[in-house]
């Protein structure tokens, strides 16, 4: 059984009063392909920036290969 490569749990990010990513949750198994689709301003780029450690989540958490982006950002980005 494949392990989770990416896990987002109640992931939230705001720009001031604007909520760009609002409590999204999903998991991607190793070997799966994920696509983000949606209109401009839907939070796709912001979600990717959180998952890559460019931004830290304001609520919730993101795990990459079991490592928490908020705690292990440098290791994940290496």
PDB file of N, CA and C in Angstrom:
ATOM      1  N   UNK A   1       0.841  -1.185   0.000  1.00  0.00           N
ATOM      2  CA  UNK A   1       0.000   0.000   0.000  1.00  0.00           C
ATOM      3  C   UNK A   1       0.883   1.245   0.000  1.00  0.00           C
ATOM      4  N   UNK A   2       0.558   2.190  -0.850  1.00  0.00           N
ATOM      5  CA  UNK A   2       1.368   3.412  -0.974  1.00  0.00           C
ATOM      6  C   UNK A   2       1.169   4.325   0.228  1.00  0.00           C
ATOM      7  N   UNK A   3       2.256   4.986   0.594  1.00  0.00           N
ATOM      8  CA  UNK A   3       2.214   5.950   1.696  1.00  0.00           C
ATOM      9  C   UNK A   3       1.738   7.302   1.178  1.00  0.00           C
ATOM     10  N   UNK A   4       1.310   8.141   2.122  1.00  0.00           N
ATOM     11  CA  UNK A   4       0.952   9.510   1.760  1.00  0.00           C
ATOM     12  C   UNK A   4       2.222  10.303   1.469  1.00  0.00           C
ATOM     13  N   UNK A   5       2.287  10.923   0.305  1.00  0.00           N
ATOM     14  CA  UNK A   5       3.406  11.798  -0.041  1.00  0.00           C
ATOM     15  C   UNK A   5       3.125  13.222   0.425  1.00  0.00           C
ATOM     16  N   UNK A   6       1.874  13.654   0.276  1.00  0.00           N
ATOM     17  CA  UNK A   6       1.453  14.999   0.680  1.00  0.00           C
ATOM     18  C   UNK A   6       0.157  14.874   1.461  1.00  0.00           C
ATOM     19  N   UNK A   7       0.096  15.536   2.604  1.00  0.00           N
ATOM     20  CA  UNK A   7      -1.137  15.601   3.385  1.00  0.00           C
ATOM     21  C   UNK A   7      -1.369  17.052   3.770  1.00  0.00           C
ATOM     22  N   UNK A   8      -2.551  17.538   3.485  1.00  0.00           N
ATOM     23  CA  UNK A   8      -2.972  18.870   3.933  1.00  0.00           C
ATOM     24  C   UNK A   8      -4.187  18.662   4.829  1.00  0.00           C
ATOM     25  N   UNK A   9      -4.130  19.221   6.027  1.00  0.00           N
ATOM     26  CA  UNK A   9      -5.234  19.094   6.977  1.00  0.00           C
ATOM     27  C   UNK A   9      -5.678  20.477   7.416  1.00  0.00           C
ATOM     28  N   UNK A  10      -6.879  20.862   7.033  1.00  0.00           N
ATOM     29  CA  UNK A  10      -7.453  22.161   7.411  1.00  0.00           C
ATOM     30  C   UNK A  10      -6.505  23.318   7.112  1.00  0.00           C
ATOM     31  N   UNK A  11      -5.820  23.235   6.009  1.00  0.00           N
ATOM     32  CA  UNK A  11      -4.816  24.229   5.627  1.00  0.00           C
ATOM     33  C   UNK A  11      -5.476  25.571   5.330  1.00  0.00           C
ATOM     34  N   UNK A  12      -4.961  26.623   5.974  1.00  0.00           N
ATOM     35  CA  UNK A  12      -5.514  27.966   5.811  1.00  0.00           C
ATOM     36  C   UNK A  12      -4.379  28.966   5.673  1.00  0.00           C
ATOM     37  N   UNK A  13      -4.559  29.927   4.751  1.00  0.00           N
ATOM     38  CA  UNK A  13      -3.606  31.016   4.603  1.00  0.00           C
ATOM     39  C   UNK A  13      -4.379  32.282   4.261  1.00  0.00           C
ATOM     40  N   UNK A  14      -3.975  33.387   4.901  1.00  0.00           N
ATOM     41  CA  UNK A  14      -4.639  34.670   4.679  1.00  0.00           C
ATOM     42  C   UNK A  14      -3.624  35.736   4.291  1.00  0.00           C
ATOM     43  N   UNK A  15      -4.080  36.655   3.463  1.00  0.00           N
ATOM     44  CA  UNK A  15      -3.349  37.885   3.165  1.00  0.00           C
ATOM     45  C   UNK A  15      -4.149  38.994   3.845  1.00  0.00           C
ATOM     46  N   UNK A  16      -3.759  39.375   5.045  1.00  0.00           N
ATOM     47  CA  UNK A  16      -4.538  40.366   5.786  1.00  0.00           C
ATOM     48  C   UNK A  16      -5.935  39.838   6.056  1.00  0.00           C
ATOM     49  N   UNK A  17      -6.949  40.554   5.592  1.00  0.00           N
ATOM     50  CA  UNK A  17      -8.338  40.142   5.791  1.00  0.00           C
ATOM     51  C   UNK A  17      -8.837  39.174   4.722  1.00  0.00           C
ATOM     52  N   UNK A  18      -8.047  38.955   3.678  1.00  0.00           N
ATOM     53  CA  UNK A  18      -8.454  38.077   2.582  1.00  0.00           C
ATOM     54  C   UNK A  18      -7.994  36.642   2.849  1.00  0.00           C
ATOM     55  N   UNK A  19      -8.934  35.723   2.928  1.00  0.00           N
ATOM     56  CA  UNK A  19      -8.600  34.309   3.092  1.00  0.00           C
ATOM     57  C   UNK A  19      -8.394  33.706   1.709  1.00  0.00           C
ATOM     58  N   UNK A  20      -7.148  33.348   1.404  1.00  0.00           N
ATOM     59  CA  UNK A  20      -6.811  32.793   0.089  1.00  0.00           C
ATOM     60  C   UNK A  20      -7.011  31.279   0.053  1.00  0.00           C
ATOM     61  N   UNK A  21      -6.708  30.616   1.154  1.00  0.00           N
ATOM     62  CA  UNK A  21      -6.876  29.167   1.279  1.00  0.00           C
ATOM     63  C   UNK A  21      -7.658  28.944   2.566  1.00  0.00           C
ATOM     64  N   UNK A  22      -8.804  28.293   2.461  1.00  0.00           N
ATOM     65  CA  UNK A  22      -9.739  28.221   3.581  1.00  0.00           C
ATOM     66  C   UNK A  22     -10.000  26.780   4.021  1.00  0.00           C
ATOM     67  N   UNK A  23      -9.195  26.299   4.956  1.00  0.00           N
ATOM     68  CA  UNK A  23      -9.388  24.992   5.591  1.00  0.00           C
ATOM     69  C   UNK A  23      -9.513  23.849   4.582  1.00  0.00           C
ATOM     70  N   UNK A  24      -8.565  23.758   3.647  1.00  0.00           N
ATOM     71  CA  UNK A  24      -8.607  22.654   2.684  1.00  0.00           C
ATOM     72  C   UNK A  24      -7.889  21.438   3.264  1.00  0.00           C
ATOM     73  N   UNK A  25      -8.383  20.271   2.908  1.00  0.00           N
ATOM     74  CA  UNK A  25      -7.787  19.009   3.340  1.00  0.00           C
ATOM     75  C   UNK A  25      -7.749  18.053   2.155  1.00  0.00           C
ATOM     76  N   UNK A  26      -6.629  17.374   1.990  1.00  0.00           N
ATOM     77  CA  UNK A  26      -6.502  16.350   0.952  1.00  0.00           C
ATOM     78  C   UNK A  26      -5.242  15.546   1.227  1.00  0.00           C
ATOM     79  N   UNK A  27      -5.136  14.398   0.582  1.00  0.00           N
ATOM     80  CA  UNK A  27      -3.935  13.570   0.679  1.00  0.00           C
ATOM     81  C   UNK A  27      -3.603  13.050  -0.714  1.00  0.00           C
ATOM     82  N   UNK A  28      -2.309  12.948  -0.985  1.00  0.00           N
ATOM     83  CA  UNK A  28      -1.819  12.419  -2.254  1.00  0.00           C
ATOM     84  C   UNK A  28      -0.868  11.276  -1.923  1.00  0.00           C
ATOM     85  N   UNK A  29      -1.152  10.104  -2.438  1.00  0.00           N
ATOM     86  CA  UNK A  29      -0.304   8.932  -2.214  1.00  0.00           C
ATOM     87  C   UNK A  29       0.932   8.995  -3.111  1.00  0.00           C
ATOM     88  N   UNK A  30       1.993   8.305  -2.685  1.00  0.00           N
ATOM     89  CA  UNK A  30       3.183   8.197  -3.522  1.00  0.00           C
ATOM     90  C   UNK A  30       2.778   7.623  -4.875  1.00  0.00           C
ATOM     91  N   UNK A  31       3.262   8.223  -5.946  1.00  0.00           N
ATOM     92  CA  UNK A  31       2.975   7.754  -7.291  1.00  0.00           C
ATOM     93  C   UNK A  31       1.736   8.362  -7.923  1.00  0.00           C
ATOM     94  N   UNK A  32       0.907   9.023  -7.134  1.00  0.00           N
ATOM     95  CA  UNK A  32      -0.276   9.691  -7.687  1.00  0.00           C
ATOM     96  C   UNK A  32       0.106  11.035  -8.289  1.00  0.00           C
ATOM     97  N   UNK A  33      -0.724  11.508  -9.185  1.00  0.00           N
ATOM     98  CA  UNK A  33      -0.544  12.820  -9.799  1.00  0.00           C
ATOM     99  C   UNK A  33      -1.694  13.703  -9.347  1.00  0.00           C
ATOM    100  N   UNK A  34      -1.368  14.929  -8.953  1.00  0.00           N
ATOM    101  CA  UNK A  34      -2.366  15.880  -8.469  1.00  0.00           C
ATOM    102  C   UNK A  34      -2.363  17.110  -9.356  1.00  0.00           C
ATOM    103  N   UNK A  35      -3.523  17.596  -9.693  1.00  0.00           N
ATOM    104  CA  UNK A  35      -3.646  18.843 -10.441  1.00  0.00           C
ATOM    105  C   UNK A  35      -4.520  19.812  -9.669  1.00  0.00           C
ATOM    106  N   UNK A  36      -4.155  21.078  -9.679  1.00  0.00           N
ATOM    107  CA  UNK A  36      -4.965  22.126  -9.060  1.00  0.00           C
ATOM    108  C   UNK A  36      -5.679  22.882 -10.172  1.00  0.00           C
ATOM    109  N   UNK A  37      -6.984  22.841 -10.155  1.00  0.00           N
ATOM    110  CA  UNK A  37      -7.791  23.537 -11.150  1.00  0.00           C
ATOM    111  C   UNK A  37      -8.722  24.504 -10.441  1.00  0.00           C
ATOM    112  N   UNK A  38      -8.927  25.650 -11.045  1.00  0.00           N
ATOM    113  CA  UNK A  38      -9.855  26.617 -10.474  1.00  0.00           C
ATOM    114  C   UNK A  38      -9.656  27.977 -11.102  1.00  0.00           C
ATOM    115  N   UNK A  39     -10.586  28.873 -10.849  1.00  0.00           N
ATOM    116  CA  UNK A  39     -10.491  30.210 -11.432  1.00  0.00           C
ATOM    117  C   UNK A  39      -9.367  31.027 -10.804  1.00  0.00           C
ATOM    118  N   UNK A  40      -9.034  32.128 -11.450  1.00  0.00           N
ATOM    119  CA  UNK A  40      -8.055  33.056 -10.879  1.00  0.00           C
ATOM    120  C   UNK A  40      -8.508  33.464  -9.480  1.00  0.00           C
ATOM    121  N   UNK A  41      -7.558  33.504  -8.556  1.00  0.00           N
ATOM    122  CA  UNK A  41      -7.875  33.921  -7.196  1.00  0.00           C
ATOM    123  C   UNK A  41      -8.429  32.820  -6.312  1.00  0.00           C
ATOM    124  N   UNK A  42      -8.417  31.572  -6.794  1.00  0.00           N
ATOM    125  CA  UNK A  42      -8.986  30.466  -6.022  1.00  0.00           C
ATOM    126  C   UNK A  42      -8.049  29.944  -4.934  1.00  0.00           C
ATOM    127  N   UNK A  43      -6.768  30.334  -4.961  1.00  0.00           N
ATOM    128  CA  UNK A  43      -5.827  29.891  -3.938  1.00  0.00           C
ATOM    129  C   UNK A  43      -4.880  28.794  -4.381  1.00  0.00           C
ATOM    130  N   UNK A  44      -4.839  28.499  -5.665  1.00  0.00           N
ATOM    131  CA  UNK A  44      -3.976  27.427  -6.162  1.00  0.00           C
ATOM    132  C   UNK A  44      -2.498  27.712  -5.909  1.00  0.00           C
ATOM    133  N   UNK A  45      -2.039  28.871  -6.321  1.00  0.00           N
ATOM    134  CA  UNK A  45      -0.628  29.232  -6.150  1.00  0.00           C
ATOM    135  C   UNK A  45      -0.275  29.348  -4.679  1.00  0.00           C
ATOM    136  N   UNK A  46      -1.145  29.915  -3.886  1.00  0.00           N
ATOM    137  CA  UNK A  46      -0.887  30.042  -2.450  1.00  0.00           C
ATOM    138  C   UNK A  46      -0.762  28.664  -1.814  1.00  0.00           C
ATOM    139  N   UNK A  47      -1.610  27.726  -2.204  1.00  0.00           N
ATOM    140  CA  UNK A  47      -1.525  26.364  -1.669  1.00  0.00           C
ATOM    141  C   UNK A  47      -0.175  25.745  -1.999  1.00  0.00           C
ATOM    142  N   UNK A  48       0.274  25.887  -3.235  1.00  0.00           N
ATOM    143  CA  UNK A  48       1.574  25.336  -3.630  1.00  0.00           C
ATOM    144  C   UNK A  48       2.694  26.017  -2.847  1.00  0.00           C
ATOM    145  N   UNK A  49       2.596  27.316  -2.621  1.00  0.00           N
ATOM    146  CA  UNK A  49       3.625  28.018  -1.847  1.00  0.00           C
ATOM    147  C   UNK A  49       3.670  27.521  -0.407  1.00  0.00           C
ATOM    148  N   UNK A  50       2.528  27.186   0.163  1.00  0.00           N
ATOM    149  CA  UNK A  50       2.516  26.606   1.510  1.00  0.00           C
ATOM    150  C   UNK A  50       3.143  25.213   1.472  1.00  0.00           C
ATOM    151  N   UNK A  51       2.773  24.400   0.495  1.00  0.00           N
ATOM    152  CA  UNK A  51       3.295  23.030   0.414  1.00  0.00           C
ATOM    153  C   UNK A  51       4.796  22.988   0.158  1.00  0.00           C
ATOM    154  N   UNK A  52       5.349  24.026  -0.456  1.00  0.00           N
ATOM    155  CA  UNK A  52       6.790  24.066  -0.719  1.00  0.00           C
ATOM    156  C   UNK A  52       7.562  24.839   0.345  1.00  0.00           C
ATOM    157  N   UNK A  53       6.868  25.336   1.352  1.00  0.00           N
ATOM    158  CA  UNK A  53       7.542  26.027   2.448  1.00  0.00           C
ATOM    159  C   UNK A  53       7.836  27.490   2.195  1.00  0.00           C
ATOM    160  N   UNK A  54       7.377  28.039   1.091  1.00  0.00           N
ATOM    161  CA  UNK A  54       7.578  29.470   0.850  1.00  0.00           C
ATOM    162  C   UNK A  54       6.727  30.301   1.803  1.00  0.00           C
ATOM    163  N   UNK A  55       5.541  29.797   2.132  1.00  0.00           N
ATOM    164  CA  UNK A  55       4.665  30.392   3.143  1.00  0.00           C
ATOM    165  C   UNK A  55       4.396  29.329   4.196  1.00  0.00           C
ATOM    166  N   UNK A  56       4.203  29.742   5.437  1.00  0.00           N
ATOM    167  CA  UNK A  56       3.800  28.806   6.482  1.00  0.00           C
ATOM    168  C   UNK A  56       2.294  28.904   6.678  1.00  0.00           C
ATOM    169  N   UNK A  57       1.630  27.773   6.926  1.00  0.00           N
ATOM    170  CA  UNK A  57       0.185  27.820   7.117  1.00  0.00           C
ATOM    171  C   UNK A  57      -0.181  28.620   8.365  1.00  0.00           C
ATOM    172  N   UNK A  58      -1.264  29.345   8.303  1.00  0.00           N
ATOM    173  CA  UNK A  58      -1.744  30.106   9.451  1.00  0.00           C
ATOM    174  C   UNK A  58      -2.611  29.236  10.350  1.00  0.00           C
ATOM    175  N   UNK A  59      -3.226  28.238   9.755  1.00  0.00           N
ATOM    176  CA  UNK A  59      -3.979  27.227  10.493  1.00  0.00           C
ATOM    177  C   UNK A  59      -3.780  25.904   9.778  1.00  0.00           C
ATOM    178  N   UNK A  60      -4.009  24.828  10.484  1.00  0.00           N
ATOM    179  CA  UNK A  60      -3.874  23.506   9.907  1.00  0.00           C
ATOM    180  C   UNK A  60      -2.419  23.111   9.767  1.00  0.00           C
ATOM    181  N   UNK A  61      -2.202  22.057   8.996  1.00  0.00           N
ATOM    182  CA  UNK A  61      -0.826  21.603   8.793  1.00  0.00           C
ATOM    183  C   UNK A  61      -0.677  20.945   7.436  1.00  0.00           C
ATOM    184  N   UNK A  62       0.566  20.900   7.001  1.00  0.00           N
ATOM    185  CA  UNK A  62       0.917  20.243   5.746  1.00  0.00           C
ATOM    186  C   UNK A  62       2.088  19.311   6.021  1.00  0.00           C
ATOM    187  N   UNK A  63       1.975  18.087   5.556  1.00  0.00           N
ATOM    188  CA  UNK A  63       3.039  17.099   5.701  1.00  0.00           C
ATOM    189  C   UNK A  63       3.537  16.701   4.320  1.00  0.00           C
ATOM    190  N   UNK A  64       4.845  16.681   4.171  1.00  0.00           N
ATOM    191  CA  UNK A  64       5.485  16.226   2.943  1.00  0.00           C
ATOM    192  C   UNK A  64       6.351  15.030   3.321  1.00  0.00           C
ATOM    193  N   UNK A  65       6.004  13.863   2.797  1.00  0.00           N
ATOM    194  CA  UNK A  65       6.692  12.611   3.140  1.00  0.00           C
ATOM    195  C   UNK A  65       6.791  12.442   4.656  1.00  0.00           C
ATOM    196  N   UNK A  66       5.710  12.780   5.353  1.00  0.00           N
ATOM    197  CA  UNK A  66       5.628  12.604   6.800  1.00  0.00           C
ATOM    198  C   UNK A  66       6.251  13.711   7.618  1.00  0.00           C
ATOM    199  N   UNK A  67       6.853  14.690   6.971  1.00  0.00           N
ATOM    200  CA  UNK A  67       7.502  15.791   7.695  1.00  0.00           C
ATOM    201  C   UNK A  67       6.612  17.029   7.656  1.00  0.00           C
ATOM    202  N   UNK A  68       6.497  17.683   8.804  1.00  0.00           N
ATOM    203  CA  UNK A  68       5.640  18.859   8.951  1.00  0.00           C
ATOM    204  C   UNK A  68       6.331  20.083   8.366  1.00  0.00           C
ATOM    205  N   UNK A  69       5.673  20.751   7.427  1.00  0.00           N
ATOM    206  CA  UNK A  69       6.271  21.909   6.752  1.00  0.00           C
ATOM    207  C   UNK A  69       6.596  23.028   7.738  1.00  0.00           C
ATOM    208  N   UNK A  70       5.851  23.146   8.815  1.00  0.00           N
ATOM    209  CA  UNK A  70       6.102  24.212   9.793  1.00  0.00           C
ATOM    210  C   UNK A  70       7.332  23.930  10.652  1.00  0.00           C
ATOM    211  N   UNK A  71       7.654  22.655  10.845  1.00  0.00           N
ATOM    212  CA  UNK A  71       8.770  22.283  11.723  1.00  0.00           C
ATOM    213  C   UNK A  71      10.019  21.860  10.958  1.00  0.00           C
ATOM    214  N   UNK A  72       9.835  21.297   9.779  1.00  0.00           N
ATOM    215  CA  UNK A  72      10.949  20.703   9.030  1.00  0.00           C
ATOM    216  C   UNK A  72      11.134  21.352   7.664  1.00  0.00           C
ATOM    217  N   UNK A  73      10.865  22.646   7.573  1.00  0.00           N
ATOM    218  CA  UNK A  73      10.885  23.341   6.280  1.00  0.00           C
ATOM    219  C   UNK A  73      12.232  23.209   5.571  1.00  0.00           C
ATOM    220  N   UNK A  74      13.330  23.445   6.264  1.00  0.00           N
ATOM    221  CA  UNK A  74      14.646  23.384   5.611  1.00  0.00           C
ATOM    222  C   UNK A  74      14.939  21.992   5.069  1.00  0.00           C
ATOM    223  N   UNK A  75      14.588  20.965   5.818  1.00  0.00           N
ATOM    224  CA  UNK A  75      14.825  19.592   5.369  1.00  0.00           C
ATOM    225  C   UNK A  75      13.957  19.265   4.144  1.00  0.00           C
ATOM    226  N   UNK A  76      12.718  19.713   4.156  1.00  0.00           N
ATOM    227  CA  UNK A  76      11.821  19.463   3.033  1.00  0.00           C
ATOM    228  C   UNK A  76      12.313  20.183   1.782  1.00  0.00           C
ATOM    229  N   UNK A  77      12.812  21.395   1.937  1.00  0.00           N
ATOM    230  CA  UNK A  77      13.263  22.182   0.788  1.00  0.00           C
ATOM    231  C   UNK A  77      14.615  21.733   0.249  1.00  0.00           C
ATOM    232  N   UNK A  78      15.359  20.938   1.003  1.00  0.00           N
ATOM    233  CA  UNK A  78      16.701  20.504   0.580  1.00  0.00           C
ATOM    234  C   UNK A  78      16.650  19.566  -0.609  1.00  0.00           C
TER     235      UNK A  78
END
